[in-house]
C-alpha atoms as a PDB file:
ATOM      1  CA  MET A   1     -42.522  71.328  66.761  1.00  0.00           C
ATOM      2  CA  ASP A   2     -44.160  74.195  64.948  1.00  0.00           C
ATOM      3  CA  PHE A   3     -46.647  72.730  62.484  1.00  0.00           C
ATOM      4  CA  GLU A   4     -48.152  76.168  61.860  1.00  0.00           C
ATOM      5  CA  PHE A   5     -44.779  77.545  60.724  1.00  0.00           C
ATOM      6  CA  GLY A   6     -44.171  74.593  58.417  1.00  0.00           C
ATOM      7  CA  ARG A   7     -40.847  73.309  59.719  1.00  0.00           C
ATOM      8  CA  VAL A   8     -38.837  72.554  62.820  1.00  0.00           C
ATOM      9  CA  GLU A   9     -35.378  74.038  62.901  1.00  0.00           C
ATOM     10  CA  TYR A  10     -32.547  72.018  64.356  1.00  0.00           C
ATOM     11  CA  VAL A  11     -31.244  73.813  67.414  1.00  0.00           C
ATOM     12  CA  GLY A  12     -27.585  73.186  66.641  1.00  0.00           C
ATOM     13  CA  THR A  13     -25.294  73.021  63.689  1.00  0.00           C
ATOM     14  CA  ILE A  14     -23.166  70.497  61.863  1.00  0.00           C
ATOM     15  CA  GLU A  15     -19.574  71.589  61.424  1.00  0.00           C
ATOM     16  CA  LEU A  16     -17.799  70.381  58.295  1.00  0.00           C
ATOM     17  CA  VAL A  17     -14.026  70.759  58.600  1.00  0.00           C
ATOM     18  CA  VAL A  18     -11.971  70.844  55.417  1.00  0.00           C
ATOM     19  CA  ASP A  19      -8.295  70.073  55.989  1.00  0.00           C
ATOM     20  CA  ALA A  20      -6.816  71.056  52.647  1.00  0.00           C
ATOM     21  CA  LYS A  21      -3.607  69.224  51.875  1.00  0.00           C
ATOM     22  CA  ASN A  22      -2.862  71.646  49.043  1.00  0.00           C
ATOM     23  CA  PRO A  23      -3.935  75.220  49.816  1.00  0.00           C
ATOM     24  CA  ILE A  24      -3.697  76.200  46.141  1.00  0.00           C
ATOM     25  CA  LEU A  25      -6.341  73.757  44.847  1.00  0.00           C
ATOM     26  CA  THR A  26      -9.999  74.690  45.040  1.00  0.00           C
ATOM     27  CA  TRP A  27     -12.105  72.161  46.968  1.00  0.00           C
ATOM     28  CA  TYR A  28     -15.815  71.428  46.637  1.00  0.00           C
ATOM     29  CA  THR A  29     -17.982  69.821  49.335  1.00  0.00           C
ATOM     30  CA  TYR A  30     -21.210  68.059  48.332  1.00  0.00           C
ATOM     31  CA  VAL A  31     -24.076  66.465  50.269  1.00  0.00           C
ATOM     32  CA  HIS A  32     -26.594  63.765  49.338  1.00  0.00           C
ATOM     33  CA  THR A  33     -28.481  60.860  50.890  1.00  0.00           C
ATOM     34  CA  ASP A  34     -29.049  57.248  49.931  1.00  0.00           C
ATOM     35  CA  ASP A  35     -32.267  57.133  51.993  1.00  0.00           C
ATOM     36  CA  VAL A  36     -35.684  57.147  50.309  1.00  0.00           C
ATOM     37  CA  ASP A  37     -37.634  58.299  53.351  1.00  0.00           C
ATOM     38  CA  LEU A  38     -37.140  59.588  56.878  1.00  0.00           C
ATOM     39  CA  GLY A  39     -37.598  56.585  59.090  1.00  0.00           C
ATOM     40  CA  GLY A  40     -40.163  54.377  57.409  1.00  0.00           C
ATOM     41  CA  TYR A  41     -43.232  56.577  57.887  1.00  0.00           C
ATOM     42  CA  GLY A  42     -43.415  57.456  54.201  1.00  0.00           C
ATOM     43  CA  LYS A  43     -42.104  60.967  54.852  1.00  0.00           C
ATOM     44  CA  PRO A  44     -39.974  61.915  51.841  1.00  0.00           C
ATOM     45  CA  VAL A  45     -36.281  62.467  52.467  1.00  0.00           C
ATOM     46  CA  SER A  46     -36.644  65.744  50.540  1.00  0.00           C
ATOM     47  CA  ASP A  47     -38.471  67.077  53.638  1.00  0.00           C
ATOM     48  CA  LEU A  48     -35.050  67.196  55.319  1.00  0.00           C
ATOM     49  CA  LEU A  49     -33.653  70.665  54.609  1.00  0.00           C
ATOM     50  CA  TRP A  50     -30.207  72.219  55.031  1.00  0.00           C
ATOM     51  CA  ARG A  51     -28.596  75.612  54.623  1.00  0.00           C
ATOM     52  CA  VAL A  52     -25.190  77.102  55.250  1.00  0.00           C
ATOM     53  CA  GLN A  53     -25.309  79.073  58.490  1.00  0.00           C
ATOM     54  CA  GLY A  54     -25.911  82.764  57.820  1.00  0.00           C
ATOM     55  CA  THR A  55     -27.782  82.211  54.550  1.00  0.00           C
ATOM     56  CA  SER A  56     -31.539  82.348  54.060  1.00  0.00           C
ATOM     57  CA  THR A  57     -32.176  79.661  51.438  1.00  0.00           C
ATOM     58  CA  TRP A  58     -33.157  76.133  52.546  1.00  0.00           C
ATOM     59  CA  THR A  59     -32.233  73.251  50.209  1.00  0.00           C
ATOM     60  CA  SER A  60     -33.848  69.795  50.184  1.00  0.00           C
ATOM     61  CA  VAL A  61     -31.639  66.766  50.710  1.00  0.00           C
ATOM     62  CA  GLU A  62     -31.726  64.575  47.602  1.00  0.00           C
ATOM     63  CA  GLY A  63     -30.210  61.424  46.194  1.00  0.00           C
ATOM     64  CA  SER A  64     -28.003  63.454  43.866  1.00  0.00           C
ATOM     65  CA  GLU A  65     -25.111  65.506  45.185  1.00  0.00           C
ATOM     66  CA  ARG A  66     -25.710  69.191  45.914  1.00  0.00           C
ATOM     67  CA  LEU A  67     -22.879  71.673  46.339  1.00  0.00           C
ATOM     68  CA  VAL A  68     -22.584  72.860  49.953  1.00  0.00           C
ATOM     69  CA  ALA A  69     -19.466  75.018  49.750  1.00  0.00           C
ATOM     70  CA  SER A  70     -16.210  75.534  47.910  1.00  0.00           C
ATOM     71  CA  GLY A  71     -12.969  77.307  48.663  1.00  0.00           C
ATOM     72  CA  ALA A  72      -9.215  76.986  48.937  1.00  0.00           C
ATOM     73  CA  GLY A  73      -7.201  76.195  52.025  1.00  0.00           C
ATOM     74  CA  ASP A  74      -8.484  74.963  55.379  1.00  0.00           C
ATOM     75  CA  ALA A  75     -12.051  75.887  56.294  1.00  0.00           C
ATOM     76  CA  SER A  76     -15.003  75.165  58.560  1.00  0.00           C
ATOM     77  CA  VAL A  77     -18.529  75.223  57.139  1.00  0.00           C
ATOM     78  CA  PHE A  78     -21.524  75.228  59.480  1.00  0.00           C
ATOM     79  CA  LEU A  79     -24.833  73.726  58.324  1.00  0.00           C
ATOM     80  CA  GLU A  80     -28.259  74.171  59.884  1.00  0.00           C
ATOM     81  CA  LEU A  81     -30.930  71.485  59.471  1.00  0.00           C
ATOM     82  CA  ALA A  82     -34.711  71.698  59.416  1.00  0.00           C
ATOM     83  CA  VAL A  83     -37.593  69.322  58.688  1.00  0.00           C
ATOM     84  CA  ALA A  84     -40.607  70.362  56.615  1.00  0.00           C
ATOM     85  CA  LEU A  85     -43.795  69.416  58.479  1.00  0.00           C
ATOM     86  CA  ARG A  86     -47.330  68.861  57.226  1.00  0.00           C
ATOM     87  CA  TRP A  87     -50.012  68.676  59.894  1.00  0.00           C
ATOM     88  CA  ALA A  88     -52.357  66.517  57.782  1.00  0.00           C
ATOM     89  CA  ASP A  89     -49.727  64.045  56.551  1.00  0.00           C
ATOM     90  CA  ASP A  90     -47.040  63.574  59.201  1.00  0.00           C
ATOM     91  CA  VAL A  91     -47.559  61.028  61.948  1.00  0.00           C
ATOM     92  CA  PRO A  92     -45.887  61.181  65.362  1.00  0.00           C
ATOM     93  CA  GLY A  93     -42.643  59.248  65.338  1.00  0.00           C
ATOM     94  CA  THR A  94     -38.885  59.381  65.237  1.00  0.00           C
ATOM     95  CA  TYR A  95     -37.692  60.616  61.882  1.00  0.00           C
ATOM     96  CA  ALA A  96     -34.117  60.005  60.782  1.00  0.00           C
ATOM     97  CA  GLY A  97     -31.963  60.114  57.692  1.00  0.00           C
ATOM     98  CA  ASP A  98     -28.290  59.768  56.831  1.00  0.00           C
ATOM     99  CA  LEU A  99     -26.376  62.570  55.152  1.00  0.00           C
ATOM    100  CA  VAL A 100     -23.344  61.749  53.013  1.00  0.00           C
ATOM    101  CA  PHE A 101     -20.686  64.434  52.530  1.00  0.00           C
ATOM    102  CA  ARG A 102     -17.909  64.325  49.932  1.00  0.00           C
ATOM    103  CA  THR A 103     -15.085  66.794  49.416  1.00  0.00           C
ATOM    104  CA  THR A 104     -13.049  66.749  46.230  1.00  0.00           C
ATOM    105  CA  HIS A 105     -10.919  69.044  44.087  1.00  0.00           C
ATOM    106  CA  VAL A 106     -13.028  68.217  41.014  1.00  0.00           C
ATOM    107  CA  ALA A 107     -16.165  70.286  40.391  1.00  0.00           C
ATOM    108  CA  LEU A 108     -19.289  68.491  39.218  1.00  0.00           C
ATOM    109  CA  PRO A 109     -20.893  69.852  36.045  1.00  0.00           C
END
C-alpha cells in the first residue's frame, strides 16, 4: 500500500466480454454499486476507482450507473481498479465492494 501516493492500484485487470448477438446495434456497458461503504469501516464506496486500461482518468464507483464503454459487435474491455487511501482516516482491514455491470443497446441520457 502506498499511502504517500494516495492510492493502491490493483495489480490485475477485470475483463468484460461483450458477446453481441446483433453486430449492427450499438451496445453500452455501465457500472455501479449498491454498496454504501467498503467493508463496514466507514470508508466511502466512492474511494473505489476504475478506469479502462490504457486511459489516464480514474472514475469513482457510485450508486448511479456510469458508462464504461460502448461499441458494436463482439468486444473485450479491460478495467483497472484502485483504492483511494487516506493515512489519517483509513484503518487497517479488509475492504471490499461489489461492482454491478449492465450491457444494453439503449443509451442512458
